[in-house]
Amino acid sequence: MAEKQSKIMAKLAYEALADKKASDIRIIDIEEVSVLADYFIIASGSNRNQVQAMADNVEEELHKAGYPVRQTEGYSSANWILMDYGDLIVHVFDSENRLFYDLERIWRDGKNISIEEL
């Protein structure tokens, strides 16, 4: 049941990010490599307002589905917003910081999956 819940959360977050025109949305299945979460979702926005709007939409859509955010970091600066949903961690970056932190490289042991695979 827990895995199914994290998949639902990941799908909702992906769609919420896509609705706000997020670029390069990646879903990384980290279940096999970390106890932190089942999935990371990483996305980019072009400016502070878009990054915040993307985070707002994720929070709103997941909240409506009954998944309140546990913790949010970095919202005011909006160069990297981290949203913790327990089994799902959402990272919303501006383009510059996404390149700098390169989470895809750090978590390369995880499996990149498509929205269809959820």
N, C-alpha and C. Protein backbone atom coordinates (compact mmCIF):
# COMPACT_ATOMS: atom_id res chain seq x y z
N MET A 1 0.82 -1.21 0.00
CA MET A 1 0.00 0.00 0.00
C MET A 1 0.86 1.26 0.00
N ALA A 2 1.95 1.23 0.78
CA ALA A 2 2.80 2.42 0.88
C ALA A 2 3.41 2.79 -0.48
N GLU A 3 3.82 1.77 -1.24
CA GLU A 3 4.41 2.05 -2.55
C GLU A 3 3.37 2.69 -3.47
N LYS A 4 2.17 2.17 -3.44
CA LYS A 4 1.11 2.72 -4.28
C LYS A 4 0.86 4.20 -3.93
N GLN A 5 0.87 4.52 -2.65
CA GLN A 5 0.66 5.90 -2.21
C GLN A 5 1.77 6.81 -2.75
N SER A 6 3.00 6.37 -2.67
CA SER A 6 4.10 7.20 -3.16
C SER A 6 4.02 7.39 -4.68
N LYS A 7 3.53 6.38 -5.38
CA LYS A 7 3.34 6.52 -6.83
C LYS A 7 2.27 7.55 -7.15
N ILE A 8 1.17 7.50 -6.40
CA ILE A 8 0.09 8.47 -6.60
C ILE A 8 0.61 9.88 -6.33
N MET A 9 1.36 10.03 -5.23
CA MET A 9 1.92 11.34 -4.89
C MET A 9 2.85 11.83 -5.98
N ALA A 10 3.71 10.94 -6.49
CA ALA A 10 4.66 11.33 -7.54
C ALA A 10 3.93 11.76 -8.81
N LYS A 11 2.89 11.03 -9.16
CA LYS A 11 2.12 11.36 -10.36
C LYS A 11 1.45 12.73 -10.21
N LEU A 12 0.85 12.97 -9.05
CA LEU A 12 0.20 14.26 -8.80
C LEU A 12 1.20 15.41 -8.84
N ALA A 13 2.36 15.20 -8.23
CA ALA A 13 3.39 16.25 -8.22
C ALA A 13 3.88 16.53 -9.63
N TYR A 14 4.11 15.47 -10.40
CA TYR A 14 4.57 15.63 -11.79
C TYR A 14 3.57 16.47 -12.57
N GLU A 15 2.28 16.11 -12.46
CA GLU A 15 1.25 16.83 -13.20
C GLU A 15 1.13 18.28 -12.75
N ALA A 16 1.28 18.52 -11.43
CA ALA A 16 1.21 19.89 -10.91
C ALA A 16 2.37 20.73 -11.45
N LEU A 17 3.55 20.13 -11.55
CA LEU A 17 4.71 20.84 -12.10
C LEU A 17 4.51 21.11 -13.59
N ALA A 18 4.03 20.11 -14.31
CA ALA A 18 3.80 20.26 -15.75
C ALA A 18 2.76 21.35 -16.02
N ASP A 19 1.75 21.44 -15.17
CA ASP A 19 0.71 22.48 -15.32
C ASP A 19 1.31 23.88 -15.26
N LYS A 20 2.40 24.04 -14.54
CA LYS A 20 3.04 25.35 -14.41
C LYS A 20 4.25 25.48 -15.34
N LYS A 21 4.27 24.66 -16.38
CA LYS A 21 5.29 24.74 -17.44
C LYS A 21 6.71 24.51 -16.92
N ALA A 22 6.84 23.60 -15.95
CA ALA A 22 8.18 23.24 -15.47
C ALA A 22 8.98 22.64 -16.61
N SER A 23 10.28 22.87 -16.61
CA SER A 23 11.09 22.26 -17.66
C SER A 23 11.90 21.10 -17.08
N ASP A 24 12.15 20.12 -17.95
CA ASP A 24 13.01 18.97 -17.63
C ASP A 24 12.61 18.29 -16.31
N ILE A 25 11.36 17.85 -16.23
CA ILE A 25 10.90 17.18 -15.01
C ILE A 25 11.45 15.75 -15.01
N ARG A 26 12.13 15.40 -13.96
CA ARG A 26 12.70 14.05 -13.83
C ARG A 26 12.11 13.36 -12.62
N ILE A 27 11.80 12.09 -12.78
CA ILE A 27 11.36 11.26 -11.66
C ILE A 27 12.47 10.23 -11.45
N ILE A 28 12.98 10.20 -10.24
CA ILE A 28 14.04 9.23 -9.93
C ILE A 28 13.53 8.30 -8.83
N ASP A 29 13.51 7.01 -9.14
CA ASP A 29 13.11 6.00 -8.18
C ASP A 29 14.34 5.69 -7.32
N ILE A 30 14.31 6.10 -6.05
CA ILE A 30 15.48 5.90 -5.17
C ILE A 30 15.20 4.86 -4.08
N GLU A 31 14.09 4.15 -4.24
CA GLU A 31 13.67 3.17 -3.24
C GLU A 31 14.75 2.13 -2.94
N GLU A 32 15.46 1.70 -3.98
CA GLU A 32 16.49 0.66 -3.81
C GLU A 32 17.80 1.20 -3.25
N VAL A 33 18.00 2.52 -3.33
CA VAL A 33 19.31 3.08 -2.94
C VAL A 33 19.29 3.96 -1.71
N SER A 34 18.09 4.25 -1.18
CA SER A 34 18.02 5.16 -0.04
C SER A 34 16.79 4.89 0.81
N VAL A 35 16.93 5.15 2.10
CA VAL A 35 15.77 5.06 2.99
C VAL A 35 15.06 6.41 3.11
N LEU A 36 15.63 7.44 2.47
CA LEU A 36 15.05 8.78 2.54
C LEU A 36 13.63 8.84 2.00
N ALA A 37 13.41 8.22 0.85
CA ALA A 37 12.13 8.33 0.16
C ALA A 37 12.08 7.26 -0.92
N ASP A 38 10.91 7.14 -1.56
CA ASP A 38 10.80 6.23 -2.71
C ASP A 38 11.15 6.96 -4.01
N TYR A 39 10.73 8.24 -4.09
CA TYR A 39 10.93 9.00 -5.32
C TYR A 39 11.44 10.40 -5.05
N PHE A 40 12.30 10.85 -5.95
CA PHE A 40 12.68 12.26 -6.05
C PHE A 40 12.04 12.76 -7.34
N ILE A 41 11.50 13.96 -7.29
CA ILE A 41 11.10 14.63 -8.53
C ILE A 41 11.91 15.91 -8.59
N ILE A 42 12.54 16.14 -9.72
CA ILE A 42 13.38 17.31 -9.92
C ILE A 42 12.83 18.07 -11.13
N ALA A 43 12.67 19.38 -10.97
CA ALA A 43 12.15 20.19 -12.07
C ALA A 43 12.77 21.58 -12.02
N SER A 44 12.73 22.27 -13.13
CA SER A 44 13.30 23.61 -13.22
C SER A 44 12.25 24.63 -13.65
N GLY A 45 12.45 25.83 -13.15
CA GLY A 45 11.66 26.97 -13.59
C GLY A 45 12.60 28.05 -14.07
N SER A 46 12.09 29.00 -14.85
CA SER A 46 12.98 29.99 -15.45
C SER A 46 13.23 31.21 -14.56
N ASN A 47 12.35 31.45 -13.57
CA ASN A 47 12.56 32.59 -12.70
C ASN A 47 11.91 32.33 -11.33
N ARG A 48 12.16 33.22 -10.40
CA ARG A 48 11.69 33.06 -9.02
C ARG A 48 10.17 32.87 -8.95
N ASN A 49 9.43 33.70 -9.69
CA ASN A 49 7.96 33.59 -9.67
C ASN A 49 7.47 32.25 -10.17
N GLN A 50 8.09 31.75 -11.24
CA GLN A 50 7.66 30.46 -11.77
C GLN A 50 8.02 29.34 -10.80
N VAL A 51 9.21 29.38 -10.22
CA VAL A 51 9.64 28.36 -9.27
C VAL A 51 8.67 28.31 -8.08
N GLN A 52 8.30 29.48 -7.56
CA GLN A 52 7.34 29.52 -6.45
C GLN A 52 5.96 29.03 -6.88
N ALA A 53 5.53 29.41 -8.07
CA ALA A 53 4.23 28.96 -8.57
C ALA A 53 4.20 27.45 -8.74
N MET A 54 5.31 26.87 -9.20
CA MET A 54 5.40 25.42 -9.34
C MET A 54 5.27 24.75 -7.97
N ALA A 55 6.00 25.26 -6.98
CA ALA A 55 5.94 24.70 -5.62
C ALA A 55 4.54 24.87 -5.04
N ASP A 56 3.94 26.03 -5.24
CA ASP A 56 2.57 26.28 -4.74
C ASP A 56 1.59 25.27 -5.33
N ASN A 57 1.72 25.02 -6.62
CA ASN A 57 0.79 24.11 -7.29
C ASN A 57 0.97 22.67 -6.79
N VAL A 58 2.21 22.26 -6.59
CA VAL A 58 2.46 20.92 -6.05
C VAL A 58 1.81 20.80 -4.67
N GLU A 59 2.05 21.80 -3.83
CA GLU A 59 1.50 21.76 -2.47
C GLU A 59 -0.03 21.73 -2.51
N GLU A 60 -0.63 22.54 -3.36
CA GLU A 60 -2.09 22.61 -3.46
C GLU A 60 -2.68 21.29 -3.94
N GLU A 61 -2.11 20.73 -5.00
CA GLU A 61 -2.66 19.50 -5.58
C GLU A 61 -2.49 18.31 -4.63
N LEU A 62 -1.34 18.19 -3.99
CA LEU A 62 -1.14 17.08 -3.06
C LEU A 62 -1.99 17.25 -1.81
N HIS A 63 -2.14 18.48 -1.36
CA HIS A 63 -2.98 18.74 -0.18
C HIS A 63 -4.43 18.35 -0.46
N LYS A 64 -4.92 18.72 -1.65
CA LYS A 64 -6.29 18.37 -2.04
C LYS A 64 -6.50 16.85 -2.03
N ALA A 65 -5.43 16.11 -2.36
CA ALA A 65 -5.51 14.65 -2.40
C ALA A 65 -5.26 14.02 -1.03
N GLY A 66 -5.03 14.87 -0.02
CA GLY A 66 -4.84 14.36 1.34
C GLY A 66 -3.40 14.11 1.74
N TYR A 67 -2.46 14.71 1.02
CA TYR A 67 -1.04 14.54 1.33
C TYR A 67 -0.43 15.89 1.71
N PRO A 68 -0.48 16.26 2.98
CA PRO A 68 0.10 17.55 3.37
C PRO A 68 1.64 17.49 3.33
N VAL A 69 2.24 18.61 2.98
CA VAL A 69 3.70 18.68 2.95
C VAL A 69 4.21 18.64 4.40
N ARG A 70 5.26 17.86 4.64
CA ARG A 70 5.83 17.77 5.98
C ARG A 70 6.74 18.95 6.26
N GLN A 71 7.50 19.32 5.25
CA GLN A 71 8.44 20.42 5.43
C GLN A 71 8.79 21.01 4.07
N THR A 72 8.96 22.33 4.04
CA THR A 72 9.38 23.02 2.82
C THR A 72 10.58 23.88 3.18
N GLU A 73 11.61 23.81 2.36
CA GLU A 73 12.82 24.61 2.56
C GLU A 73 13.07 25.45 1.32
N GLY A 74 13.57 26.66 1.51
CA GLY A 74 14.05 27.48 0.39
C GLY A 74 13.00 28.24 -0.38
N TYR A 75 11.79 28.32 0.14
CA TYR A 75 10.71 28.97 -0.63
C TYR A 75 10.98 30.44 -0.89
N SER A 76 11.45 31.17 0.12
CA SER A 76 11.59 32.62 -0.06
C SER A 76 12.67 32.99 -1.07
N SER A 77 13.78 32.26 -1.06
CA SER A 77 14.84 32.57 -2.05
C SER A 77 14.48 32.01 -3.42
N ALA A 78 13.77 30.86 -3.43
CA ALA A 78 13.26 30.24 -4.66
C ALA A 78 14.33 29.87 -5.68
N ASN A 79 15.58 29.66 -5.24
CA ASN A 79 16.53 29.11 -6.20
C ASN A 79 16.59 27.58 -6.08
N TRP A 80 16.17 27.05 -4.93
CA TRP A 80 16.01 25.61 -4.77
C TRP A 80 14.96 25.41 -3.67
N ILE A 81 13.78 24.99 -4.04
CA ILE A 81 12.74 24.69 -3.07
C ILE A 81 12.67 23.18 -2.91
N LEU A 82 12.81 22.73 -1.67
CA LEU A 82 12.73 21.31 -1.36
C LEU A 82 11.43 21.08 -0.60
N MET A 83 10.64 20.14 -1.08
CA MET A 83 9.36 19.83 -0.44
C MET A 83 9.38 18.36 -0.03
N ASP A 84 9.20 18.13 1.27
CA ASP A 84 9.28 16.77 1.81
C ASP A 84 7.88 16.23 2.07
N TYR A 85 7.55 15.17 1.37
CA TYR A 85 6.27 14.48 1.55
C TYR A 85 6.48 13.09 2.12
N GLY A 86 7.60 12.85 2.76
CA GLY A 86 7.87 11.52 3.30
C GLY A 86 8.42 10.61 2.22
N ASP A 87 7.55 9.86 1.55
CA ASP A 87 7.99 8.92 0.51
C ASP A 87 8.33 9.62 -0.80
N LEU A 88 8.05 10.91 -0.87
CA LEU A 88 8.32 11.70 -2.07
C LEU A 88 9.02 12.99 -1.66
N ILE A 89 10.11 13.29 -2.35
CA ILE A 89 10.81 14.56 -2.15
C ILE A 89 10.77 15.30 -3.50
N VAL A 90 10.27 16.53 -3.47
CA VAL A 90 10.17 17.33 -4.69
C VAL A 90 11.22 18.44 -4.60
N HIS A 91 12.04 18.55 -5.65
CA HIS A 91 13.06 19.59 -5.75
C HIS A 91 12.69 20.50 -6.92
N VAL A 92 12.46 21.77 -6.62
CA VAL A 92 12.15 22.73 -7.68
C VAL A 92 13.28 23.75 -7.71
N PHE A 93 13.97 23.80 -8.83
CA PHE A 93 15.15 24.65 -8.99
C PHE A 93 14.93 25.76 -10.00
N ASP A 94 15.74 26.82 -9.87
CA ASP A 94 15.93 27.68 -11.03
C ASP A 94 17.02 26.99 -11.85
N SER A 95 17.15 27.37 -13.10
CA SER A 95 18.05 26.64 -14.01
C SER A 95 19.50 26.63 -13.53
N GLU A 96 19.97 27.77 -13.07
CA GLU A 96 21.37 27.91 -12.64
C GLU A 96 21.70 26.97 -11.48
N ASN A 97 20.86 26.95 -10.47
CA ASN A 97 21.12 26.11 -9.30
C ASN A 97 20.94 24.63 -9.60
N ARG A 98 20.07 24.31 -10.53
CA ARG A 98 19.93 22.90 -10.90
C ARG A 98 21.22 22.38 -11.51
N LEU A 99 21.81 23.16 -12.37
CA LEU A 99 23.10 22.77 -12.95
C LEU A 99 24.18 22.67 -11.88
N PHE A 100 24.19 23.63 -10.97
CA PHE A 100 25.21 23.68 -9.93
C PHE A 100 25.13 22.46 -9.00
N TYR A 101 23.94 22.14 -8.52
CA TYR A 101 23.80 21.05 -7.55
C TYR A 101 23.74 19.67 -8.20
N ASP A 102 23.30 19.60 -9.44
CA ASP A 102 23.33 18.37 -10.24
C ASP A 102 22.88 17.13 -9.48
N LEU A 103 21.68 17.18 -8.93
CA LEU A 103 21.16 16.04 -8.16
C LEU A 103 21.06 14.77 -8.99
N GLU A 104 20.82 14.91 -10.29
CA GLU A 104 20.75 13.72 -11.13
C GLU A 104 22.06 12.94 -11.08
N ARG A 105 23.18 13.64 -11.03
CA ARG A 105 24.47 12.96 -10.95
C ARG A 105 24.66 12.32 -9.57
N ILE A 106 24.31 13.08 -8.52
CA ILE A 106 24.47 12.57 -7.16
C ILE A 106 23.62 11.32 -6.94
N TRP A 107 22.43 11.30 -7.52
CA TRP A 107 21.51 10.18 -7.34
C TRP A 107 21.47 9.26 -8.55
N ARG A 108 22.58 9.16 -9.26
CA ARG A 108 22.60 8.35 -10.48
C ARG A 108 22.37 6.86 -10.23
N ASP A 109 22.53 6.41 -8.98
CA ASP A 109 22.23 5.02 -8.66
C ASP A 109 20.74 4.74 -8.64
N GLY A 110 19.96 5.81 -8.55
CA GLY A 110 18.51 5.66 -8.63
C GLY A 110 18.11 5.40 -10.07
N LYS A 111 16.88 5.01 -10.28
CA LYS A 111 16.41 4.68 -11.62
C LYS A 111 15.53 5.81 -12.15
N ASN A 112 15.94 6.41 -13.27
CA ASN A 112 15.09 7.42 -13.92
C ASN A 112 13.89 6.71 -14.51
N ILE A 113 12.71 7.19 -14.17
CA ILE A 113 11.51 6.58 -14.71
C ILE A 113 10.64 7.66 -15.35
N SER A 114 9.79 7.21 -16.26
CA SER A 114 8.90 8.14 -16.95
C SER A 114 7.58 8.21 -16.20
N ILE A 115 6.79 9.22 -16.50
CA ILE A 115 5.48 9.37 -15.88
C ILE A 115 4.62 8.15 -16.21
N GLU A 116 4.80 7.57 -17.38
CA GLU A 116 4.02 6.39 -17.79
C GLU A 116 4.34 5.18 -16.92
N GLU A 117 5.56 5.11 -16.40
CA GLU A 117 5.97 3.98 -15.56
C GLU A 117 5.37 4.04 -14.16
N LEU A 118 4.88 5.22 -13.76
CA LEU A 118 4.22 5.31 -12.47
C LEU A 118 2.89 4.64 -12.60
